[in-house]
Amino acid sequence: MFKKVIVLLSAAVVMAGCTRASNSSPASPTSHSSEPASPAASSAGVDPANFVALIDNPFYPLPPGTTFVYEGPKDGEVQRDEVVVTHETKLILGVMCVVVKDTVTQDGVLIEDTLDWFAQDKDGNVWYFGEDTKEYEDGKVVSTAGSWEAGVNGAVPGIIMEANPDVPSSYRQEYYKGEAEDMAWVVSGDESVSVSYGSFGDALLTVEWTPLEPKVFAEKFYAKGVGLVLSVSIAGEKERSELISLTTGQ
């Protein structure tokens, strides 16, 4: 497993260099090659008729009323991340997206508030259509960096989770040049992982990174029927965020 991660990280660093050196278009949402494809297929391929109302991908289910709570150290302090799948929707590029509210606090003080927009296609891929994010200091908004919306100023949607992730597929999770360029590589589909919420087998492991920060990488573990259960930095500043509770039907 360690060798697989090293290989992927090495490829990612090379790709980051190519991305920065090239003036070509960004990658399409999914690819089984380390060479990015044209994003034209991404933006032009958004057919509203190809999307469904419910997000029930086994590794990324988002039923309205669900609340995920994560905790762990970041920036030297313990942070709490509460992710609420709301009953609200937002129309983007003709696709009705589910609105997910993500609130980060530290010692009970709000430091980040984000609205994310997701939708699932008929094949089961979960698409990421953008986010409205705000960072706070002393109760005031100090940054909206990283905000983007598909179809606005050249931003295109990405894939946050494939319908059938297999090793070693890679996919672009988002693309807004210079602001949001996260990518993911599938490393394994049979991991065992234990967090405060519980223990899981056959978990999906991905390495996620962005060419905007080529020395920062994170491992993320996704459990079937639950979603993201653990995120751990493996390069860059030490960070860890694990699922501590999950409630539904609210």
C-alpha atoms as a PDB file:
ATOM      1  CA  MET A   1       0.000   0.000   0.000  1.00  0.00           C
ATOM      2  CA  PHE A   2       2.785   2.416   0.915  1.00  0.00           C
ATOM      3  CA  LYS A   3       4.408   1.889  -2.500  1.00  0.00           C
ATOM      4  CA  LYS A   4       1.099   2.583  -4.252  1.00  0.00           C
ATOM      5  CA  VAL A   5       0.735   5.893  -2.444  1.00  0.00           C
ATOM      6  CA  ILE A   6       4.309   6.909  -3.278  1.00  0.00           C
ATOM      7  CA  VAL A   7       3.742   6.136  -6.964  1.00  0.00           C
ATOM      8  CA  LEU A   8       0.557   8.200  -7.005  1.00  0.00           C
ATOM      9  CA  LEU A   9       2.192  11.093  -5.193  1.00  0.00           C
ATOM     10  CA  SER A  10       5.085  11.083  -7.637  1.00  0.00           C
ATOM     11  CA  ALA A  11       2.687  11.122 -10.587  1.00  0.00           C
ATOM     12  CA  ALA A  12       0.694  13.891  -8.948  1.00  0.00           C
ATOM     13  CA  VAL A  13       3.763  16.080  -8.516  1.00  0.00           C
ATOM     14  CA  VAL A  14       4.679  15.605 -12.171  1.00  0.00           C
ATOM     15  CA  MET A  15       1.117  16.413 -13.211  1.00  0.00           C
ATOM     16  CA  ALA A  16       1.156  19.529 -11.026  1.00  0.00           C
ATOM     17  CA  GLY A  17       4.222  20.762 -12.857  1.00  0.00           C
ATOM     18  CA  CYS A  18       2.616  20.073 -16.222  1.00  0.00           C
ATOM     19  CA  THR A  19      -0.572  21.832 -15.177  1.00  0.00           C
ATOM     20  CA  ARG A  20       1.275  24.968 -14.144  1.00  0.00           C
ATOM     21  CA  ALA A  21       3.477  24.990 -17.231  1.00  0.00           C
ATOM     22  CA  SER A  22       0.664  24.500 -19.704  1.00  0.00           C
ATOM     23  CA  ASN A  23      -1.929  26.913 -20.992  1.00  0.00           C
ATOM     24  CA  SER A  24      -4.200  24.079 -22.052  1.00  0.00           C
ATOM     25  CA  SER A  25      -7.667  23.476 -20.636  1.00  0.00           C
ATOM     26  CA  PRO A  26      -8.230  21.629 -17.344  1.00  0.00           C
ATOM     27  CA  ALA A  27      -9.009  17.948 -17.110  1.00  0.00           C
ATOM     28  CA  SER A  28     -12.426  16.464 -17.590  1.00  0.00           C
ATOM     29  CA  PRO A  29     -14.069  15.172 -14.380  1.00  0.00           C
ATOM     30  CA  THR A  30     -12.960  11.570 -14.759  1.00  0.00           C
ATOM     31  CA  SER A  31      -9.979   9.880 -16.310  1.00  0.00           C
ATOM     32  CA  HIS A  32      -8.167   6.558 -16.109  1.00  0.00           C
ATOM     33  CA  SER A  33      -5.025   8.164 -17.405  1.00  0.00           C
ATOM     34  CA  SER A  34      -2.530  10.499 -15.769  1.00  0.00           C
ATOM     35  CA  GLU A  35      -2.871  12.773 -18.814  1.00  0.00           C
ATOM     36  CA  PRO A  36      -5.723  15.298 -18.331  1.00  0.00           C
ATOM     37  CA  ALA A  37      -8.341  15.542 -21.027  1.00  0.00           C
ATOM     38  CA  SER A  38     -10.143  18.619 -22.307  1.00  0.00           C
ATOM     39  CA  PRO A  39     -12.740  20.127 -19.962  1.00  0.00           C
ATOM     40  CA  ALA A  40     -14.985  20.912 -22.919  1.00  0.00           C
ATOM     41  CA  ALA A  41     -16.527  17.483 -22.470  1.00  0.00           C
ATOM     42  CA  SER A  42     -17.089  18.357 -18.819  1.00  0.00           C
ATOM     43  CA  SER A  43     -19.006  21.580 -19.292  1.00  0.00           C
ATOM     44  CA  ALA A  44     -20.739  20.554 -22.523  1.00  0.00           C
ATOM     45  CA  GLY A  45     -21.595  17.149 -21.051  1.00  0.00           C
ATOM     46  CA  VAL A  46     -23.826  18.545 -18.324  1.00  0.00           C
ATOM     47  CA  ASP A  47     -27.228  17.319 -19.464  1.00  0.00           C
ATOM     48  CA  PRO A  48     -29.872  18.098 -16.824  1.00  0.00           C
ATOM     49  CA  ALA A  49     -31.896  15.126 -18.032  1.00  0.00           C
ATOM     50  CA  ASN A  50     -29.036  12.844 -16.980  1.00  0.00           C
ATOM     51  CA  PHE A  51     -29.324  13.738 -13.293  1.00  0.00           C
ATOM     52  CA  VAL A  52     -31.499  12.272 -10.551  1.00  0.00           C
ATOM     53  CA  ALA A  53     -33.029  13.799  -7.431  1.00  0.00           C
ATOM     54  CA  LEU A  54     -31.456  11.525  -4.790  1.00  0.00           C
ATOM     55  CA  ILE A  55     -27.752  11.229  -4.020  1.00  0.00           C
ATOM     56  CA  ASP A  56     -27.334   7.620  -2.902  1.00  0.00           C
ATOM     57  CA  ASN A  57     -23.821   6.726  -4.075  1.00  0.00           C
ATOM     58  CA  PRO A  58     -22.658   4.106  -1.501  1.00  0.00           C
ATOM     59  CA  PHE A  59     -19.463   6.028  -0.731  1.00  0.00           C
ATOM     60  CA  TYR A  60     -21.048   9.496  -0.804  1.00  0.00           C
ATOM     61  CA  PRO A  61     -24.716   9.317   0.223  1.00  0.00           C
ATOM     62  CA  LEU A  62     -26.346  12.678   0.917  1.00  0.00           C
ATOM     63  CA  PRO A  63     -29.953  12.116   2.056  1.00  0.00           C
ATOM     64  CA  PRO A  64     -31.509  15.421   3.188  1.00  0.00           C
ATOM     65  CA  GLY A  65     -31.665  15.770   6.948  1.00  0.00           C
ATOM     66  CA  THR A  66     -28.356  13.996   7.576  1.00  0.00           C
ATOM     67  CA  THR A  67     -25.728  15.597   9.811  1.00  0.00           C
ATOM     68  CA  PHE A  68     -22.096  14.482   9.884  1.00  0.00           C
ATOM     69  CA  VAL A  69     -19.835  15.743  12.680  1.00  0.00           C
ATOM     70  CA  TYR A  70     -16.043  15.550  12.404  1.00  0.00           C
ATOM     71  CA  GLU A  71     -13.334  16.544  14.863  1.00  0.00           C
ATOM     72  CA  GLY A  72      -9.564  16.693  14.784  1.00  0.00           C
ATOM     73  CA  PRO A  73      -6.457  18.871  14.887  1.00  0.00           C
ATOM     74  CA  LYS A  74      -5.857  21.501  12.215  1.00  0.00           C
ATOM     75  CA  ASP A  75      -3.540  24.510  12.337  1.00  0.00           C
ATOM     76  CA  GLY A  76      -2.439  23.324  15.768  1.00  0.00           C
ATOM     77  CA  GLU A  77      -5.940  23.464  17.249  1.00  0.00           C
ATOM     78  CA  VAL A  78      -8.835  21.022  17.540  1.00  0.00           C
ATOM     79  CA  GLN A  79     -11.597  21.940  15.117  1.00  0.00           C
ATOM     80  CA  ARG A  80     -15.180  20.731  14.842  1.00  0.00           C
ATOM     81  CA  ASP A  81     -16.716  20.362  11.381  1.00  0.00           C
ATOM     82  CA  GLU A  82     -20.501  19.978  11.155  1.00  0.00           C
ATOM     83  CA  VAL A  83     -21.835  18.982   7.723  1.00  0.00           C
ATOM     84  CA  VAL A  84     -25.609  19.233   7.256  1.00  0.00           C
ATOM     85  CA  VAL A  85     -27.399  17.932   4.168  1.00  0.00           C
ATOM     86  CA  THR A  86     -30.208  20.466   3.901  1.00  0.00           C
ATOM     87  CA  HIS A  87     -33.597  20.141   2.226  1.00  0.00           C
ATOM     88  CA  GLU A  88     -32.679  23.136   0.059  1.00  0.00           C
ATOM     89  CA  THR A  89     -31.706  22.966  -3.603  1.00  0.00           C
ATOM     90  CA  LYS A  90     -29.933  25.256  -6.061  1.00  0.00           C
ATOM     91  CA  LEU A  91     -30.290  25.231  -9.843  1.00  0.00           C
ATOM     92  CA  ILE A  92     -26.899  25.258 -11.597  1.00  0.00           C
ATOM     93  CA  LEU A  93     -26.471  24.707 -15.349  1.00  0.00           C
ATOM     94  CA  GLY A  94     -30.038  23.400 -15.366  1.00  0.00           C
ATOM     95  CA  VAL A  95     -29.245  20.753 -12.738  1.00  0.00           C
ATOM     96  CA  MET A  96     -31.051  20.757  -9.392  1.00  0.00           C
ATOM     97  CA  CYS A  97     -28.290  20.456  -6.793  1.00  0.00           C
ATOM     98  CA  VAL A  98     -28.517  19.491  -3.141  1.00  0.00           C
ATOM     99  CA  VAL A  99     -27.280  22.216  -0.781  1.00  0.00           C
ATOM    100  CA  VAL A 100     -24.907  21.013   1.941  1.00  0.00           C
ATOM    101  CA  LYS A 101     -23.987  23.378   4.772  1.00  0.00           C
ATOM    102  CA  ASP A 102     -20.487  22.917   6.210  1.00  0.00           C
ATOM    103  CA  THR A 103     -19.640  24.820   9.399  1.00  0.00           C
ATOM    104  CA  VAL A 104     -16.221  24.769  11.074  1.00  0.00           C
ATOM    105  CA  THR A 105     -15.719  25.968  14.639  1.00  0.00           C
ATOM    106  CA  GLN A 106     -12.793  26.161  17.027  1.00  0.00           C
ATOM    107  CA  ASP A 107     -13.500  26.376  20.754  1.00  0.00           C
ATOM    108  CA  GLY A 108     -17.098  27.140  19.817  1.00  0.00           C
ATOM    109  CA  VAL A 109     -16.090  30.092  17.621  1.00  0.00           C
ATOM    110  CA  LEU A 110     -17.110  30.116  13.956  1.00  0.00           C
ATOM    111  CA  ILE A 111     -14.098  30.154  11.612  1.00  0.00           C
ATOM    112  CA  GLU A 112     -15.584  28.923   8.324  1.00  0.00           C
ATOM    113  CA  ASP A 113     -19.063  28.642   6.829  1.00  0.00           C
ATOM    114  CA  THR A 114     -19.603  26.997   3.438  1.00  0.00           C
ATOM    115  CA  LEU A 115     -22.486  26.013   1.194  1.00  0.00           C
ATOM    116  CA  ASP A 116     -21.604  23.165  -1.192  1.00  0.00           C
ATOM    117  CA  TRP A 117     -23.695  22.058  -4.179  1.00  0.00           C
ATOM    118  CA  PHE A 118     -23.880  18.424  -5.301  1.00  0.00           C
ATOM    119  CA  ALA A 119     -25.894  16.323  -7.754  1.00  0.00           C
ATOM    120  CA  GLN A 120     -25.828  12.697  -8.889  1.00  0.00           C
ATOM    121  CA  ASP A 121     -26.116  11.468 -12.444  1.00  0.00           C
ATOM    122  CA  LYS A 122     -28.010   8.373 -13.558  1.00  0.00           C
ATOM    123  CA  ASP A 123     -24.826   6.293 -13.544  1.00  0.00           C
ATOM    124  CA  GLY A 124     -24.250   7.070  -9.877  1.00  0.00           C
ATOM    125  CA  ASN A 125     -21.413   9.593 -10.139  1.00  0.00           C
ATOM    126  CA  VAL A 126     -21.695  12.428  -7.622  1.00  0.00           C
ATOM    127  CA  TRP A 127     -20.890  15.792  -9.209  1.00  0.00           C
ATOM    128  CA  TYR A 128     -19.597  18.858  -7.423  1.00  0.00           C
ATOM    129  CA  PHE A 129     -21.075  22.074  -8.828  1.00  0.00           C
ATOM    130  CA  GLY A 130     -19.417  24.615  -6.567  1.00  0.00           C
ATOM    131  CA  GLU A 131     -19.274  26.242  -3.174  1.00  0.00           C
ATOM    132  CA  ASP A 132     -19.880  29.537  -1.436  1.00  0.00           C
ATOM    133  CA  THR A 133     -17.302  29.707   1.326  1.00  0.00           C
ATOM    134  CA  LYS A 134     -16.543  32.337   3.951  1.00  0.00           C
ATOM    135  CA  GLU A 135     -13.725  32.457   6.489  1.00  0.00           C
ATOM    136  CA  TYR A 136     -14.272  34.355   9.741  1.00  0.00           C
ATOM    137  CA  GLU A 137     -12.131  36.180  12.270  1.00  0.00           C
ATOM    138  CA  ASP A 138     -13.683  37.874  15.296  1.00  0.00           C
ATOM    139  CA  GLY A 139     -17.131  37.322  13.805  1.00  0.00           C
ATOM    140  CA  LYS A 140     -16.315  39.054  10.526  1.00  0.00           C
ATOM    141  CA  VAL A 141     -15.808  37.614   7.038  1.00  0.00           C
ATOM    142  CA  VAL A 142     -12.139  37.952   6.110  1.00  0.00           C
ATOM    143  CA  SER A 143     -11.990  35.780   2.967  1.00  0.00           C
ATOM    144  CA  THR A 144     -14.157  34.107   0.349  1.00  0.00           C
ATOM    145  CA  ALA A 145     -11.208  32.490  -1.428  1.00  0.00           C
ATOM    146  CA  GLY A 146     -12.072  29.147  -2.982  1.00  0.00           C
ATOM    147  CA  SER A 147     -15.662  30.072  -3.815  1.00  0.00           C
ATOM    148  CA  TRP A 148     -16.839  29.071  -7.267  1.00  0.00           C
ATOM    149  CA  GLU A 149     -19.933  28.081  -9.227  1.00  0.00           C
ATOM    150  CA  ALA A 150     -20.029  25.886 -12.329  1.00  0.00           C
ATOM    151  CA  GLY A 151     -20.783  27.936 -15.415  1.00  0.00           C
ATOM    152  CA  VAL A 152     -19.564  31.216 -13.881  1.00  0.00           C
ATOM    153  CA  ASN A 153     -16.271  32.793 -15.019  1.00  0.00           C
ATOM    154  CA  GLY A 154     -15.056  29.612 -16.666  1.00  0.00           C
ATOM    155  CA  ALA A 155     -15.627  27.308 -13.678  1.00  0.00           C
ATOM    156  CA  VAL A 156     -16.674  23.753 -14.539  1.00  0.00           C
ATOM    157  CA  PRO A 157     -18.110  20.996 -12.326  1.00  0.00           C
ATOM    158  CA  GLY A 158     -16.117  17.987 -11.233  1.00  0.00           C
ATOM    159  CA  ILE A 159     -16.716  14.549  -9.767  1.00  0.00           C
ATOM    160  CA  ILE A 160     -16.554  14.303  -5.983  1.00  0.00           C
ATOM    161  CA  MET A 161     -17.144  10.528  -6.068  1.00  0.00           C
ATOM    162  CA  GLU A 162     -17.262   8.054  -8.938  1.00  0.00           C
ATOM    163  CA  ALA A 163     -20.070   5.546  -9.291  1.00  0.00           C
ATOM    164  CA  ASN A 164     -17.590   2.673  -9.441  1.00  0.00           C
ATOM    165  CA  PRO A 165     -14.202   3.842  -8.183  1.00  0.00           C
ATOM    166  CA  ASP A 166     -11.422   1.478  -9.149  1.00  0.00           C
ATOM    167  CA  VAL A 167      -7.651   1.498  -8.802  1.00  0.00           C
ATOM    168  CA  PRO A 168      -5.941   3.563 -10.147  1.00  0.00           C
ATOM    169  CA  SER A 169      -8.579   5.921 -11.559  1.00  0.00           C
ATOM    170  CA  SER A 170      -8.194   9.654 -11.101  1.00  0.00           C
ATOM    171  CA  TYR A 171     -10.682  12.470 -11.372  1.00  0.00           C
ATOM    172  CA  ARG A 172     -10.932  16.210 -11.069  1.00  0.00           C
ATOM    173  CA  GLN A 173     -13.234  17.194  -8.225  1.00  0.00           C
ATOM    174  CA  GLU A 174     -13.565  20.865  -9.126  1.00  0.00           C
ATOM    175  CA  TYR A 175     -12.131  23.465 -11.463  1.00  0.00           C
ATOM    176  CA  TYR A 176     -11.998  27.212 -11.150  1.00  0.00           C
ATOM    177  CA  LYS A 177      -8.577  28.327 -12.315  1.00  0.00           C
ATOM    178  CA  GLY A 178      -6.343  29.507  -9.509  1.00  0.00           C
ATOM    179  CA  GLU A 179      -9.039  29.076  -6.852  1.00  0.00           C
ATOM    180  CA  ALA A 180     -10.405  25.536  -6.831  1.00  0.00           C
ATOM    181  CA  GLU A 181      -8.497  22.689  -8.504  1.00  0.00           C
ATOM    182  CA  ASP A 182      -8.840  19.670  -6.188  1.00  0.00           C
ATOM    183  CA  MET A 183      -8.168  16.219  -7.612  1.00  0.00           C
ATOM    184  CA  ALA A 184      -8.391  12.638  -6.331  1.00  0.00           C
ATOM    185  CA  TRP A 185      -6.668   9.328  -7.015  1.00  0.00           C
ATOM    186  CA  VAL A 186      -8.219   5.981  -6.035  1.00  0.00           C
ATOM    187  CA  VAL A 187      -5.618   3.948  -4.109  1.00  0.00           C
ATOM    188  CA  SER A 188      -7.559   1.017  -2.628  1.00  0.00           C
ATOM    189  CA  GLY A 189     -11.045  -0.347  -2.186  1.00  0.00           C
ATOM    190  CA  ASP A 190     -10.474  -2.798   0.653  1.00  0.00           C
ATOM    191  CA  GLU A 191      -9.147  -0.753   3.549  1.00  0.00           C
ATOM    192  CA  SER A 192     -10.014  -1.206   7.222  1.00  0.00           C
ATOM    193  CA  VAL A 193     -10.467   1.986   9.224  1.00  0.00           C
ATOM    194  CA  SER A 194     -11.546   2.811  12.778  1.00  0.00           C
ATOM    195  CA  VAL A 195     -12.780   6.199  13.972  1.00  0.00           C
ATOM    196  CA  SER A 196     -14.810   7.447  16.935  1.00  0.00           C
ATOM    197  CA  TYR A 197     -18.060   6.692  15.100  1.00  0.00           C
ATOM    198  CA  GLY A 198     -17.145   3.072  14.379  1.00  0.00           C
ATOM    199  CA  SER A 199     -14.979   0.564  12.523  1.00  0.00           C
ATOM    200  CA  PHE A 200     -15.362  -0.247   8.836  1.00  0.00           C
ATOM    201  CA  GLY A 201     -14.027  -2.782   6.358  1.00  0.00           C
ATOM    202  CA  ASP A 202     -13.849  -2.553   2.571  1.00  0.00           C
ATOM    203  CA  ALA A 203     -13.396   1.198   2.837  1.00  0.00           C
ATOM    204  CA  LEU A 204     -12.366   3.261  -0.161  1.00  0.00           C
ATOM    205  CA  LEU A 205      -9.031   5.068   0.135  1.00  0.00           C
ATOM    206  CA  THR A 206      -8.172   8.053  -2.036  1.00  0.00           C
ATOM    207  CA  VAL A 207      -5.279  10.467  -2.131  1.00  0.00           C
ATOM    208  CA  GLU A 208      -6.571  13.995  -2.660  1.00  0.00           C
ATOM    209  CA  TRP A 209      -4.528  17.042  -3.606  1.00  0.00           C
ATOM    210  CA  THR A 210      -4.455  20.259  -5.608  1.00  0.00           C
ATOM    211  CA  PRO A 211      -1.808  21.623  -8.001  1.00  0.00           C
ATOM    212  CA  LEU A 212      -2.297  24.947  -6.212  1.00  0.00           C
ATOM    213  CA  GLU A 213      -0.528  23.381  -3.203  1.00  0.00           C
ATOM    214  CA  PRO A 214       1.691  20.690  -4.781  1.00  0.00           C
ATOM    215  CA  LYS A 215       3.340  19.712  -1.488  1.00  0.00           C
ATOM    216  CA  VAL A 216       0.080  19.036   0.364  1.00  0.00           C
ATOM    217  CA  PHE A 217      -1.617  15.618   0.172  1.00  0.00           C
ATOM    218  CA  ALA A 218      -4.351  13.948   2.196  1.00  0.00           C
ATOM    219  CA  GLU A 219      -5.599  10.391   2.516  1.00  0.00           C
ATOM    220  CA  LYS A 220      -9.380  10.113   2.718  1.00  0.00           C
ATOM    221  CA  PHE A 221     -11.305   7.015   3.749  1.00  0.00           C
ATOM    222  CA  TYR A 222     -14.916   6.481   2.646  1.00  0.00           C
ATOM    223  CA  ALA A 223     -17.145   3.772   4.147  1.00  0.00           C
ATOM    224  CA  LYS A 224     -20.049   2.217   2.256  1.00  0.00           C
ATOM    225  CA  GLY A 225     -23.398   3.533   3.359  1.00  0.00           C
ATOM    226  CA  VAL A 226     -21.760   6.284   5.401  1.00  0.00           C
ATOM    227  CA  GLY A 227     -19.432   8.413   3.288  1.00  0.00           C
ATOM    228  CA  LEU A 228     -16.282  10.170   4.430  1.00  0.00           C
ATOM    229  CA  VAL A 229     -15.126   8.829   7.809  1.00  0.00           C
ATOM    230  CA  LEU A 230     -11.502   9.950   8.024  1.00  0.00           C
ATOM    231  CA  SER A 231      -9.164  12.510   6.452  1.00  0.00           C
ATOM    232  CA  VAL A 232      -5.457  12.513   7.330  1.00  0.00           C
ATOM    233  CA  SER A 233      -2.686  14.667   5.885  1.00  0.00           C
ATOM    234  CA  ILE A 234       0.301  12.708   4.577  1.00  0.00           C
ATOM    235  CA  ALA A 235       2.292  15.684   3.291  1.00  0.00           C
ATOM    236  CA  GLY A 236       2.173  19.272   4.459  1.00  0.00           C
ATOM    237  CA  GLU A 237       0.882  20.472   7.824  1.00  0.00           C
ATOM    238  CA  LYS A 238      -0.353  17.686  10.095  1.00  0.00           C
ATOM    239  CA  GLU A 239      -4.133  17.474  10.063  1.00  0.00           C
ATOM    240  CA  ARG A 240      -6.658  14.811  10.994  1.00  0.00           C
ATOM    241  CA  SER A 241     -10.442  14.873  10.889  1.00  0.00           C
ATOM    242  CA  GLU A 242     -12.558  11.862  11.868  1.00  0.00           C
ATOM    243  CA  LEU A 243     -16.266  11.187  11.972  1.00  0.00           C
ATOM    244  CA  ILE A 244     -17.560  11.267  15.546  1.00  0.00           C
ATOM    245  CA  SER A 245     -21.319  11.216  14.934  1.00  0.00           C
ATOM    246  CA  LEU A 246     -23.930  10.814  12.227  1.00  0.00           C
ATOM    247  CA  THR A 247     -27.633  11.549  12.567  1.00  0.00           C
ATOM    248  CA  THR A 248     -30.394  11.249   9.985  1.00  0.00           C
ATOM    249  CA  GLY A 249     -33.968  12.308   9.454  1.00  0.00           C
ATOM    250  CA  GLN A 250     -33.771  15.839  10.767  1.00  0.00           C
END
